[in-house]
Amino acid sequence: TIKAGQQREDLMGTKREQEERARAKAQVSRDNQDFMETEDQKQKLIVREQDDALDDLHLSVTKIGEMGLSIHTELKEQEVIVDELAERTDHAVNNMADVNREVQKMLKSKEGRKQLCLIISLIGALMLVTSLIFFLP
């Protein structure tokens, strides 16, 4: 039995060795726990930073969306203005065509040529009177 006890003691080690192993095991356990807590804090910090970045991204996307809607509204308003301008331009072009036809008729007739000369003379006189009024003290 003494031999068995000796063998057991040899296998298990002395009480001092057992205590040292227990302390080492406890230290490893504490170190593992500290490591896990540190990693958990790091992970929470990373998640918080990602949440902040996503919030900033959400604000940016919202602003871009609002700008897009504003641009869309402005383009619709300008489309109406351009359509009105095109309509007025078409009307003016048609009026100019009518005036050109009348001038062509006037130039073909002798009476029309006299009237055209009179109109040009009156325009010249009007310009002369206007310049005298504005440029003479």
C-alpha atoms as a PDB file:
ATOM      1  CA  THR A   1       0.000   0.000   0.000  1.00  0.00           C
ATOM      2  CA  ILE A   2       2.924   2.267   0.631  1.00  0.00           C
ATOM      3  CA  LYS A   3       4.020   1.650  -2.893  1.00  0.00           C
ATOM      4  CA  ALA A   4       0.555   2.400  -4.190  1.00  0.00           C
ATOM      5  CA  GLY A   5       0.471   5.601  -2.135  1.00  0.00           C
ATOM      6  CA  GLN A   6       3.883   6.552  -3.453  1.00  0.00           C
ATOM      7  CA  GLN A   7       2.791   5.875  -6.998  1.00  0.00           C
ATOM      8  CA  ARG A   8      -0.350   7.895  -6.430  1.00  0.00           C
ATOM      9  CA  GLU A   9       1.669  10.762  -4.992  1.00  0.00           C
ATOM     10  CA  ASP A  10       4.104  10.551  -7.904  1.00  0.00           C
ATOM     11  CA  LEU A  11       1.235  10.609 -10.394  1.00  0.00           C
ATOM     12  CA  MET A  12      -0.688  13.368  -8.693  1.00  0.00           C
ATOM     13  CA  GLY A  13       2.354  15.286  -7.611  1.00  0.00           C
ATOM     14  CA  THR A  14       2.888  16.821  -4.279  1.00  0.00           C
ATOM     15  CA  LYS A  15       0.341  19.002  -2.613  1.00  0.00           C
ATOM     16  CA  ARG A  16       2.491  22.006  -3.390  1.00  0.00           C
ATOM     17  CA  GLU A  17       2.586  21.114  -7.093  1.00  0.00           C
ATOM     18  CA  GLN A  18      -1.178  20.649  -7.079  1.00  0.00           C
ATOM     19  CA  GLU A  19      -1.640  24.091  -5.517  1.00  0.00           C
ATOM     20  CA  GLU A  20       0.692  25.625  -8.099  1.00  0.00           C
ATOM     21  CA  ARG A  21      -1.253  23.953 -10.901  1.00  0.00           C
ATOM     22  CA  ALA A  22      -4.519  25.190  -9.381  1.00  0.00           C
ATOM     23  CA  ARG A  23      -3.124  28.738  -9.141  1.00  0.00           C
ATOM     24  CA  ALA A  24      -1.813  28.565 -12.705  1.00  0.00           C
ATOM     25  CA  LYS A  25      -5.173  27.250 -13.890  1.00  0.00           C
ATOM     26  CA  ALA A  26      -6.970  30.045 -12.016  1.00  0.00           C
ATOM     27  CA  GLN A  27      -4.596  32.622 -13.533  1.00  0.00           C
ATOM     28  CA  VAL A  28      -5.210  31.250 -17.038  1.00  0.00           C
ATOM     29  CA  SER A  29      -8.943  31.395 -16.352  1.00  0.00           C
ATOM     30  CA  ARG A  30      -8.670  35.059 -15.193  1.00  0.00           C
ATOM     31  CA  ASP A  31      -6.517  35.917 -18.191  1.00  0.00           C
ATOM     32  CA  ASN A  32      -9.054  34.284 -20.510  1.00  0.00           C
ATOM     33  CA  GLN A  33     -11.887  36.171 -18.809  1.00  0.00           C
ATOM     34  CA  ASP A  34      -9.987  39.490 -19.108  1.00  0.00           C
ATOM     35  CA  PHE A  35      -9.260  38.763 -22.762  1.00  0.00           C
ATOM     36  CA  MET A  36     -12.913  37.972 -23.451  1.00  0.00           C
ATOM     37  CA  GLU A  37     -14.075  41.162 -21.699  1.00  0.00           C
ATOM     38  CA  THR A  38     -11.543  43.269 -23.625  1.00  0.00           C
ATOM     39  CA  GLU A  39     -12.594  41.717 -26.930  1.00  0.00           C
ATOM     40  CA  ASP A  40     -16.262  42.222 -26.040  1.00  0.00           C
ATOM     41  CA  GLN A  41     -15.610  45.932 -25.338  1.00  0.00           C
ATOM     42  CA  LYS A  42     -13.687  46.289 -28.598  1.00  0.00           C
ATOM     43  CA  GLN A  43     -16.523  44.632 -30.490  1.00  0.00           C
ATOM     44  CA  LYS A  44     -19.110  46.904 -28.861  1.00  0.00           C
ATOM     45  CA  LEU A  45     -16.998  49.947 -29.775  1.00  0.00           C
ATOM     46  CA  ILE A  46     -16.758  48.770 -33.387  1.00  0.00           C
ATOM     47  CA  VAL A  47     -20.529  48.216 -33.541  1.00  0.00           C
ATOM     48  CA  ARG A  48     -21.137  51.699 -32.084  1.00  0.00           C
ATOM     49  CA  GLU A  49     -18.784  53.263 -34.639  1.00  0.00           C
ATOM     50  CA  GLN A  50     -20.531  51.391 -37.447  1.00  0.00           C
ATOM     51  CA  ASP A  51     -23.920  52.560 -36.154  1.00  0.00           C
ATOM     52  CA  ASP A  52     -22.662  56.155 -36.129  1.00  0.00           C
ATOM     53  CA  ALA A  53     -21.324  55.764 -39.670  1.00  0.00           C
ATOM     54  CA  LEU A  54     -24.655  54.305 -40.813  1.00  0.00           C
ATOM     55  CA  ASP A  55     -26.525  57.189 -39.179  1.00  0.00           C
ATOM     56  CA  ASP A  56     -24.305  59.670 -41.041  1.00  0.00           C
ATOM     57  CA  LEU A  57     -24.846  57.750 -44.267  1.00  0.00           C
ATOM     58  CA  HIS A  58     -28.611  57.780 -43.694  1.00  0.00           C
ATOM     59  CA  LEU A  59     -28.559  61.561 -43.235  1.00  0.00           C
ATOM     60  CA  SER A  60     -26.523  61.992 -46.401  1.00  0.00           C
ATOM     61  CA  VAL A  61     -28.823  59.760 -48.438  1.00  0.00           C
ATOM     62  CA  THR A  62     -31.864  61.606 -47.068  1.00  0.00           C
ATOM     63  CA  LYS A  63     -30.358  64.974 -48.063  1.00  0.00           C
ATOM     64  CA  ILE A  64     -29.511  63.668 -51.526  1.00  0.00           C
ATOM     65  CA  GLY A  65     -33.073  62.377 -51.883  1.00  0.00           C
ATOM     66  CA  GLU A  66     -34.480  65.761 -50.878  1.00  0.00           C
ATOM     67  CA  MET A  67     -32.145  67.477 -53.340  1.00  0.00           C
ATOM     68  CA  GLY A  68     -33.287  65.074 -56.059  1.00  0.00           C
ATOM     69  CA  LEU A  69     -36.928  65.891 -55.374  1.00  0.00           C
ATOM     70  CA  SER A  70     -36.131  69.608 -55.398  1.00  0.00           C
ATOM     71  CA  ILE A  71     -34.310  69.283 -58.716  1.00  0.00           C
ATOM     72  CA  HIS A  72     -37.223  67.276 -60.129  1.00  0.00           C
ATOM     73  CA  THR A  73     -39.692  69.989 -59.088  1.00  0.00           C
ATOM     74  CA  GLU A  74     -37.491  72.720 -60.554  1.00  0.00           C
ATOM     75  CA  LEU A  75     -37.138  70.824 -63.833  1.00  0.00           C
ATOM     76  CA  LYS A  76     -40.906  70.371 -64.074  1.00  0.00           C
ATOM     77  CA  GLU A  77     -41.398  74.130 -63.561  1.00  0.00           C
ATOM     78  CA  GLN A  78     -38.739  74.929 -66.161  1.00  0.00           C
ATOM     79  CA  GLU A  79     -40.324  72.469 -68.566  1.00  0.00           C
ATOM     80  CA  VAL A  80     -43.565  74.451 -68.378  1.00  0.00           C
ATOM     81  CA  ILE A  81     -41.649  77.708 -68.958  1.00  0.00           C
ATOM     82  CA  VAL A  82     -39.766  76.239 -71.938  1.00  0.00           C
ATOM     83  CA  ASP A  83     -43.018  74.940 -73.437  1.00  0.00           C
ATOM     84  CA  GLU A  84     -44.601  78.396 -73.084  1.00  0.00           C
ATOM     85  CA  LEU A  85     -41.532  80.008 -74.634  1.00  0.00           C
ATOM     86  CA  ALA A  86     -41.614  77.547 -77.551  1.00  0.00           C
ATOM     87  CA  GLU A  87     -45.291  78.319 -78.090  1.00  0.00           C
ATOM     88  CA  ARG A  88     -44.639  82.077 -78.059  1.00  0.00           C
ATOM     89  CA  THR A  89     -41.681  81.638 -80.395  1.00  0.00           C
ATOM     90  CA  ASP A  90     -43.819  79.665 -82.852  1.00  0.00           C
ATOM     91  CA  HIS A  91     -46.430  82.418 -82.699  1.00  0.00           C
ATOM     92  CA  ALA A  92     -43.784  85.101 -83.294  1.00  0.00           C
ATOM     93  CA  VAL A  93     -42.319  83.146 -86.227  1.00  0.00           C
ATOM     94  CA  ASN A  94     -45.773  82.874 -87.776  1.00  0.00           C
ATOM     95  CA  ASN A  95     -46.349  86.604 -87.293  1.00  0.00           C
ATOM     96  CA  MET A  96     -42.963  87.368 -88.887  1.00  0.00           C
ATOM     97  CA  ALA A  97     -43.885  85.197 -91.861  1.00  0.00           C
ATOM     98  CA  ASP A  98     -47.122  87.151 -92.256  1.00  0.00           C
ATOM     99  CA  VAL A  99     -45.230  90.457 -92.044  1.00  0.00           C
ATOM    100  CA  ASN A 100     -42.685  89.244 -94.595  1.00  0.00           C
ATOM    101  CA  ARG A 101     -45.472  88.304 -97.024  1.00  0.00           C
ATOM    102  CA  GLU A 102     -47.024  91.756 -96.635  1.00  0.00           C
ATOM    103  CA  VAL A 103     -43.651  93.470 -97.180  1.00  0.00           C
ATOM    104  CA  GLN A 104     -43.060  91.329-100.277  1.00  0.00           C
ATOM    105  CA  LYS A 105     -46.470  92.363-101.625  1.00  0.00           C
ATOM    106  CA  MET A 106     -45.683  96.003-100.859  1.00  0.00           C
ATOM    107  CA  LEU A 107     -42.316  95.825-102.613  1.00  0.00           C
ATOM    108  CA  LYS A 108     -43.897  94.329-105.727  1.00  0.00           C
ATOM    109  CA  SER A 109     -46.363  97.159-106.130  1.00  0.00           C
ATOM    110  CA  LYS A 110     -45.331 100.728-107.066  1.00  0.00           C
ATOM    111  CA  GLU A 111     -47.575 102.151-104.385  1.00  0.00           C
ATOM    112  CA  GLY A 112     -45.952  99.815-101.856  1.00  0.00           C
ATOM    113  CA  ARG A 113     -42.467 101.029-102.757  1.00  0.00           C
ATOM    114  CA  LYS A 114     -43.530 104.581-102.141  1.00  0.00           C
ATOM    115  CA  GLN A 115     -44.975 103.610 -98.771  1.00  0.00           C
ATOM    116  CA  LEU A 116     -41.779 101.714 -97.852  1.00  0.00           C
ATOM    117  CA  CYS A 117     -39.640 104.748 -98.726  1.00  0.00           C
ATOM    118  CA  LEU A 118     -41.943 106.899 -96.619  1.00  0.00           C
ATOM    119  CA  ILE A 119     -41.691 104.480 -93.692  1.00  0.00           C
ATOM    120  CA  ILE A 120     -37.879 104.412 -93.922  1.00  0.00           C
ATOM    121  CA  SER A 121     -37.766 108.201 -94.102  1.00  0.00           C
ATOM    122  CA  LEU A 122     -40.040 108.543 -91.074  1.00  0.00           C
ATOM    123  CA  ILE A 123     -37.904 106.059 -89.090  1.00  0.00           C
ATOM    124  CA  GLY A 124     -34.779 108.067 -89.998  1.00  0.00           C
ATOM    125  CA  ALA A 125     -36.464 111.305 -88.904  1.00  0.00           C
ATOM    126  CA  LEU A 126     -37.594 109.696 -85.649  1.00  0.00           C
ATOM    127  CA  MET A 127     -34.035 108.543 -84.928  1.00  0.00           C
ATOM    128  CA  LEU A 128     -32.673 112.033 -85.683  1.00  0.00           C
ATOM    129  CA  VAL A 129     -35.190 113.726 -83.364  1.00  0.00           C
ATOM    130  CA  THR A 130     -34.578 111.184 -80.617  1.00  0.00           C
ATOM    131  CA  SER A 131     -30.793 111.642 -80.800  1.00  0.00           C
ATOM    132  CA  LEU A 132     -31.180 115.445 -80.721  1.00  0.00           C
ATOM    133  CA  ILE A 133     -33.376 115.234 -77.628  1.00  0.00           C
ATOM    134  CA  PHE A 134     -31.044 112.931 -75.693  1.00  0.00           C
ATOM    135  CA  PHE A 135     -27.615 114.134 -76.832  1.00  0.00           C
ATOM    136  CA  LEU A 136     -28.037 117.912 -77.022  1.00  0.00           C
ATOM    137  CA  PRO A 137     -28.010 119.831 -73.738  1.00  0.00           C
END
